[in-house]
Amino acid sequence: MTLIHPLAAVDPAARLGEGVRVGPFAVIGAGVEIGEGTEVGAGAHVYGPTRIGRENKIYPSAAIGFDPQDLKFQGEEVWLEIGDRNVFREFCTVHRGTAKGGGVTRVGSDSLFMAYTHIGHDCQVGSRIIFANSATLAGHVEVHDDANISAFSSVHQFCRVGRHAYVGGYTVATMDVLPYVKTVGQKPACYGLNSIGLKRKGFDADRVRRLELAYRILVRSKLNTPHALERLKAELAGDPDVDYLIAFVESSQRGVYKSMPRGGARGGGDPE
């Protein structure tokens, strides 16, 4: 049974699935579709066109599906699509796409977006992702599955964050962030493999070992990027994780972070 508080405002053109709950003073606009079991907290606003899947939880005062913050936007029909079982905490903002950016902002499933996080227009955000408080994506950013973006970090438009990446607090990313790696800082540097995160996601010791070797070749070997990629292909090609790492670097348009932290041998020694 759908439960709509009498003090909520739900447009007649909105479509709410079974078991949707809408709190007091929440606003659901026209063109919004919300899947079964999703909760919309008090004072949250959801505008459309927006499609939201099943069993999401939208906390009070979140703003979902608003117009893109783009001066080129002229009111054209653009979309936001959200998957299942996500949590959007207080004051999260997620904006729809733009016509020139593909028209759709997408968010996958099973992710946690803590208070004051922002997902800009045309972003493509995967699944099983954690954004800590006030993490911010500009427009057109890609965040691949299982990444973590820590508090007060920001990602520049058109950048990418790879799978299982860990972006440390207060990081300012203006280039692509390597998958499987801890990248931290206002002038970002690589602090080794995200080994704790990988183990928590079920990576066994052999899988972590191969990624550690790939990290050392790519980041710590003092080879330039093309030569490091050649060595990765020669020594580790065929491993799905390494193949994804290679493809990520080769497809980068803005470059990837490979710098080491000042004074540090953190993250393992040079490859043998």
Protein backbone atom coordinates (compact mmCIF):
# COMPACT_ATOMS: atom_id res chain seq x y z
CA MET A 1 0.00 0.00 0.00
CA THR A 2 1.32 3.43 -0.97
CA LEU A 3 1.40 5.82 2.01
CA ILE A 4 1.36 9.53 1.22
CA HIS A 5 1.32 11.92 4.16
CA PRO A 6 -1.56 14.40 3.92
CA LEU A 7 0.93 17.28 4.07
CA ALA A 8 2.91 15.99 1.08
CA ALA A 9 2.37 17.37 -2.43
CA VAL A 10 2.30 14.69 -5.14
CA ASP A 11 1.52 15.71 -8.72
CA PRO A 12 -1.27 13.64 -10.28
CA ALA A 13 1.05 12.90 -13.20
CA ALA A 14 3.61 11.19 -10.93
CA ARG A 15 3.61 7.38 -10.82
CA LEU A 16 4.27 5.70 -7.49
CA GLY A 17 4.69 1.95 -7.09
CA GLU A 18 3.34 -0.28 -4.36
CA GLY A 19 4.68 0.40 -0.89
CA VAL A 20 6.09 3.85 -1.67
CA ARG A 21 6.07 6.11 1.38
CA VAL A 22 6.10 9.92 1.12
CA GLY A 23 6.69 12.02 4.23
CA PRO A 24 5.21 15.38 5.25
CA PHE A 25 6.07 18.43 3.14
CA ALA A 26 7.77 16.26 0.52
CA VAL A 27 7.12 17.28 -3.09
CA ILE A 28 6.87 14.82 -5.99
CA GLY A 29 6.62 16.52 -9.38
CA ALA A 30 5.12 15.57 -12.72
CA GLY A 31 7.05 13.04 -14.78
CA VAL A 32 8.43 11.22 -11.73
CA GLU A 33 8.26 7.43 -11.56
CA ILE A 34 9.15 5.81 -8.23
CA GLY A 35 9.51 2.05 -7.83
CA GLU A 36 8.09 -0.22 -5.17
CA GLY A 37 9.15 0.20 -1.58
CA THR A 38 11.01 3.50 -2.00
CA GLU A 39 10.78 6.02 0.85
CA VAL A 40 10.81 9.79 0.32
CA GLY A 41 11.51 11.64 3.55
CA ALA A 42 9.99 14.79 4.98
CA GLY A 43 10.70 17.89 2.93
CA ALA A 44 12.52 16.02 0.14
CA HIS A 45 11.80 17.18 -3.41
CA VAL A 46 11.82 14.92 -6.47
CA TYR A 47 11.24 16.52 -9.86
CA GLY A 48 11.09 14.99 -13.31
CA PRO A 49 11.43 13.56 -15.76
CA THR A 50 12.98 11.13 -13.28
CA ARG A 51 12.81 7.35 -12.92
CA ILE A 52 13.69 5.87 -9.54
CA GLY A 53 13.83 2.13 -8.93
CA ARG A 54 12.85 -0.08 -6.01
CA GLU A 55 13.63 0.20 -2.31
CA ASN A 56 15.57 3.44 -2.40
CA LYS A 57 15.62 5.66 0.66
CA ILE A 58 15.60 9.42 0.16
CA TYR A 59 16.17 11.28 3.40
CA PRO A 60 14.66 14.64 4.41
CA SER A 61 15.56 17.72 2.37
CA ALA A 62 17.25 15.86 -0.48
CA ALA A 63 16.71 17.44 -3.93
CA ILE A 64 16.50 14.86 -6.70
CA GLY A 65 15.90 15.47 -10.40
CA PHE A 66 16.20 19.24 -10.54
CA ASP A 67 17.25 21.13 -13.68
CA PRO A 68 20.95 20.94 -14.58
CA GLN A 69 23.17 23.78 -13.42
CA ASP A 70 24.21 24.62 -16.96
CA LEU A 71 23.71 27.98 -18.66
CA LYS A 72 23.09 26.18 -21.96
CA PHE A 73 20.01 24.44 -20.58
CA GLN A 74 16.87 25.86 -22.21
CA GLY A 75 14.19 23.66 -20.68
CA GLU A 76 14.51 20.75 -23.07
CA GLU A 77 13.36 17.30 -21.88
CA VAL A 78 16.25 15.62 -20.10
CA TRP A 79 16.25 12.75 -17.62
CA LEU A 80 17.54 11.30 -14.39
CA GLU A 81 17.59 7.53 -13.94
CA ILE A 82 18.28 5.90 -10.56
CA GLY A 83 18.49 2.17 -9.87
CA ASP A 84 17.53 0.17 -6.77
CA ARG A 85 18.37 0.18 -3.05
CA ASN A 86 20.31 3.43 -2.96
CA VAL A 87 20.42 5.71 0.07
CA PHE A 88 20.42 9.49 -0.43
CA ARG A 89 21.05 11.23 2.88
CA GLU A 90 20.04 14.72 3.95
CA PHE A 91 20.54 17.57 1.45
CA CYS A 92 21.85 15.40 -1.37
CA THR A 93 21.41 16.95 -4.83
CA VAL A 94 21.20 14.96 -8.07
CA HIS A 95 20.51 16.81 -11.32
CA ARG A 96 19.11 15.72 -14.66
CA GLY A 97 21.19 15.66 -17.84
CA THR A 98 21.62 18.13 -20.68
CA ALA A 99 20.80 17.71 -24.36
CA LYS A 100 24.43 18.17 -25.43
CA GLY A 101 25.66 15.80 -22.72
CA GLY A 102 23.51 12.84 -23.75
CA GLY A 103 20.33 13.92 -21.99
CA VAL A 104 20.52 11.50 -19.04
CA THR A 105 22.18 11.44 -15.63
CA ARG A 106 22.40 7.85 -14.39
CA VAL A 107 22.95 6.34 -10.96
CA GLY A 108 23.21 2.56 -10.49
CA SER A 109 22.16 0.50 -7.47
CA ASP A 110 23.19 -0.29 -3.90
CA SER A 111 25.10 2.92 -3.24
CA LEU A 112 25.29 5.31 -0.30
CA PHE A 113 25.36 9.07 -0.84
CA MET A 114 25.97 10.81 2.48
CA ALA A 115 24.77 14.26 3.49
CA TYR A 116 25.36 17.21 1.13
CA THR A 117 26.78 15.11 -1.72
CA HIS A 118 26.18 16.35 -5.25
CA ILE A 119 25.91 14.56 -8.59
CA GLY A 120 25.99 17.02 -11.49
CA HIS A 121 24.31 16.83 -14.87
CA ASP A 122 25.14 14.00 -17.28
CA CYS A 123 27.16 12.06 -14.71
CA GLN A 124 27.27 8.29 -15.07
CA VAL A 125 27.58 6.74 -11.63
CA GLY A 126 27.86 2.97 -11.19
CA SER A 127 26.79 0.65 -8.39
CA ARG A 128 27.99 -0.19 -4.85
CA ILE A 129 29.59 3.24 -4.50
CA ILE A 130 30.07 5.33 -1.36
CA PHE A 131 30.17 9.14 -1.38
CA ALA A 132 31.10 10.58 2.01
CA ASN A 133 29.76 13.93 3.21
CA SER A 134 29.96 16.79 0.68
CA ALA A 135 31.67 14.76 -2.05
CA THR A 136 30.92 16.56 -5.31
CA LEU A 137 30.84 15.63 -8.99
CA ALA A 138 30.82 18.30 -11.67
CA GLY A 139 28.99 17.57 -14.92
CA HIS A 140 29.82 14.67 -17.24
CA VAL A 141 31.81 12.70 -14.65
CA GLU A 142 32.00 8.89 -14.72
CA VAL A 143 32.32 6.94 -11.47
CA HIS A 144 32.76 3.22 -12.03
CA ASP A 145 31.47 0.43 -9.78
CA ASP A 146 32.67 -0.02 -6.19
CA ALA A 147 34.53 3.31 -5.96
CA ASN A 148 34.72 5.33 -2.72
CA ILE A 149 34.87 9.14 -2.76
CA SER A 150 35.70 10.61 0.63
CA ALA A 151 34.42 13.72 2.37
CA PHE A 152 34.77 17.16 0.74
CA SER A 153 36.39 15.73 -2.39
CA SER A 154 35.53 17.12 -5.82
CA VAL A 155 35.85 15.70 -9.32
CA HIS A 156 36.26 18.00 -12.32
CA GLN A 157 33.90 17.75 -15.28
CA PHE A 158 34.63 15.00 -17.84
CA CYS A 159 36.90 13.13 -15.42
CA ARG A 160 36.56 9.45 -14.53
CA VAL A 161 37.01 7.50 -11.31
CA GLY A 162 37.85 3.83 -11.89
CA ARG A 163 36.48 0.69 -10.28
CA HIS A 164 37.41 0.09 -6.64
CA ALA A 165 39.23 3.44 -6.52
CA TYR A 166 39.59 5.19 -3.18
CA VAL A 167 39.59 8.99 -3.36
CA GLY A 168 40.80 10.45 -0.08
CA GLY A 169 39.24 13.34 1.80
CA TYR A 170 39.59 16.88 0.39
CA THR A 171 40.99 15.55 -2.91
CA VAL A 172 40.62 17.80 -5.96
CA ALA A 173 40.61 15.53 -9.02
CA THR A 174 41.11 17.29 -12.36
CA MET A 175 42.34 14.15 -14.15
CA ASP A 176 41.20 10.54 -14.17
CA VAL A 177 41.60 8.53 -10.94
CA LEU A 178 43.12 5.08 -11.39
CA PRO A 179 41.03 2.02 -10.55
CA TYR A 180 42.07 -0.10 -7.54
CA VAL A 181 44.33 2.71 -6.23
CA LYS A 182 44.23 5.17 -3.31
CA THR A 183 44.46 8.70 -4.71
CA VAL A 184 44.63 11.52 -2.18
CA GLY A 185 45.31 15.25 -2.00
CA GLN A 186 44.58 18.70 -3.34
CA LYS A 187 47.53 17.92 -5.60
CA PRO A 188 46.60 14.26 -5.89
CA ALA A 189 49.16 11.49 -5.48
CA CYS A 190 48.91 7.70 -5.47
CA TYR A 191 49.24 6.10 -2.04
CA GLY A 192 49.34 2.48 -3.10
CA LEU A 193 46.78 -0.14 -3.92
CA ASN A 194 43.39 0.07 -2.20
CA SER A 195 44.15 -3.32 -0.68
CA ILE A 196 41.83 -3.06 2.34
CA GLY A 197 38.93 -2.04 0.12
CA LEU A 198 39.65 -4.86 -2.32
CA LYS A 199 39.74 -7.47 0.45
CA ARG A 200 36.45 -6.17 1.82
CA LYS A 201 34.97 -6.68 -1.65
CA GLY A 202 36.10 -10.29 -1.71
CA PHE A 203 39.37 -10.13 -3.67
CA ASP A 204 41.55 -13.10 -2.72
CA ALA A 205 45.28 -12.81 -2.01
CA ASP A 206 46.37 -13.88 -5.49
CA ARG A 207 44.09 -11.35 -7.16
CA VAL A 208 45.41 -8.58 -4.92
CA ARG A 209 49.00 -9.69 -5.60
CA ARG A 210 48.56 -9.38 -9.37
CA LEU A 211 47.06 -5.92 -9.00
CA GLU A 212 49.90 -4.92 -6.68
CA LEU A 213 52.40 -5.93 -9.35
CA ALA A 214 50.44 -4.03 -11.99
CA TYR A 215 50.40 -0.94 -9.73
CA ARG A 216 54.15 -1.09 -9.22
CA ILE A 217 54.80 -1.36 -12.94
CA LEU A 218 52.43 1.47 -13.85
CA VAL A 219 53.17 3.90 -11.02
CA ARG A 220 56.48 3.04 -9.36
CA SER A 221 58.69 1.62 -12.11
CA LYS A 222 59.73 5.05 -13.50
CA LEU A 223 58.65 3.87 -16.93
CA ASN A 224 56.63 6.36 -18.95
CA THR A 225 53.00 5.43 -19.43
CA PRO A 226 53.25 3.84 -22.92
CA HIS A 227 56.23 1.69 -21.87
CA ALA A 228 54.53 0.72 -18.60
CA LEU A 229 51.44 -0.35 -20.52
CA GLU A 230 53.58 -2.43 -22.89
CA ARG A 231 55.11 -4.19 -19.92
CA LEU A 232 51.70 -4.79 -18.34
CA LYS A 233 50.47 -6.34 -21.57
CA ALA A 234 53.56 -8.53 -21.84
CA GLU A 235 53.50 -9.77 -18.25
CA LEU A 236 49.88 -9.66 -17.06
CA ALA A 237 47.59 -9.54 -20.11
CA GLY A 238 44.62 -11.85 -19.80
CA ASP A 239 43.96 -11.02 -16.17
CA PRO A 240 40.50 -9.31 -16.23
CA ASP A 241 41.42 -6.74 -13.55
CA VAL A 242 44.66 -5.77 -15.25
CA ASP A 243 43.00 -5.70 -18.67
CA TYR A 244 40.46 -3.23 -17.29
CA LEU A 245 43.25 -1.12 -15.78
CA ILE A 246 45.07 -1.03 -19.13
CA ALA A 247 41.90 -0.12 -21.03
CA PHE A 248 41.10 2.61 -18.49
CA VAL A 249 44.50 4.27 -18.93
CA GLU A 250 44.50 3.91 -22.71
CA SER A 251 41.04 5.47 -23.03
CA SER A 252 41.79 8.45 -20.80
CA GLN A 253 41.17 11.85 -22.37
CA ARG A 254 42.42 13.96 -19.46
CA GLY A 255 45.34 11.83 -18.29
CA VAL A 256 45.58 9.75 -15.11
CA TYR A 257 47.17 10.44 -11.73
CA LYS A 258 50.47 8.58 -11.31
CA SER A 259 52.42 10.92 -9.04
CA MET A 260 53.96 9.57 -5.84
CA PRO A 261 53.50 11.36 -2.51
CA ARG A 262 56.35 13.59 -1.43
CA GLY A 263 59.14 11.75 0.28
CA GLY A 264 57.31 8.52 0.34
CA ALA A 265 57.85 4.95 -0.52
CA ARG A 266 54.30 4.21 0.56
CA GLY A 267 52.49 1.70 -1.61
CA GLY A 268 55.20 -0.91 -2.17
CA GLY A 269 58.63 -1.10 -3.69
CA ASP A 270 59.80 -1.14 -7.27
CA PRO A 271 58.90 -4.20 -9.36
CA GLU A 272 61.48 -6.93 -9.58
